[in-house]
């Protein structure tokens, strides 16, 4: 087992949002090692279980040098039992926004940490949001912005879609893509210092 001083951290995600969130708490990964997995929901899979499974699979699939902690996360937007896609087309984004308009939905973000010995820990954070009723013009403008591309549920709460949110219960950072409280706790528990790093 690597000592505390020699532990390195790899982020198993290409998301610039997750990198920015880690930097917010003074954590800069030693490497970025995105893992390529099939994110298709399993038949009958519920949103929370989908997030947990993908975070675990991303952590296991990522490649890093020995003595490295691997941090992975996945964010899923759910309406009831339905999993909304990470939108890649304007049609997908429009369908999501029309579905979310004027109603509540849940965002599940799972964060997994794989230790050098192979053991892993995982946390799941659930947030609830309610959108205003969106006009056709607002949806059109948001589609034109392109901000929805690759985003779970077709929106980015840290961007222009923040103006759609009437209510948010839970962790804002989890909705963006990485729950900071839970992430810091996992890292500290694995012997990776967050609060005592020299850059804080």
Foldseek 3Di string as FASTA:
>chain_A
DDALVPEFEEEQDPDPLVQVLCVVLPDHGPYYFHFDDDLDDDVQDFQQNSFQVVQVVSQVRTDDDARYKYKGKDKWKADVRDTQALDADLVSLLVLCQVQAQAKIKMKMKMKIAGNVGDIDMDIWMKMWHFYHDDPVRSVVLSVVVQQHRHHSRHACVPPCVVGTPDMGTAPSVNNPDRVVVVQVRCVVNSHDRPPDPVD
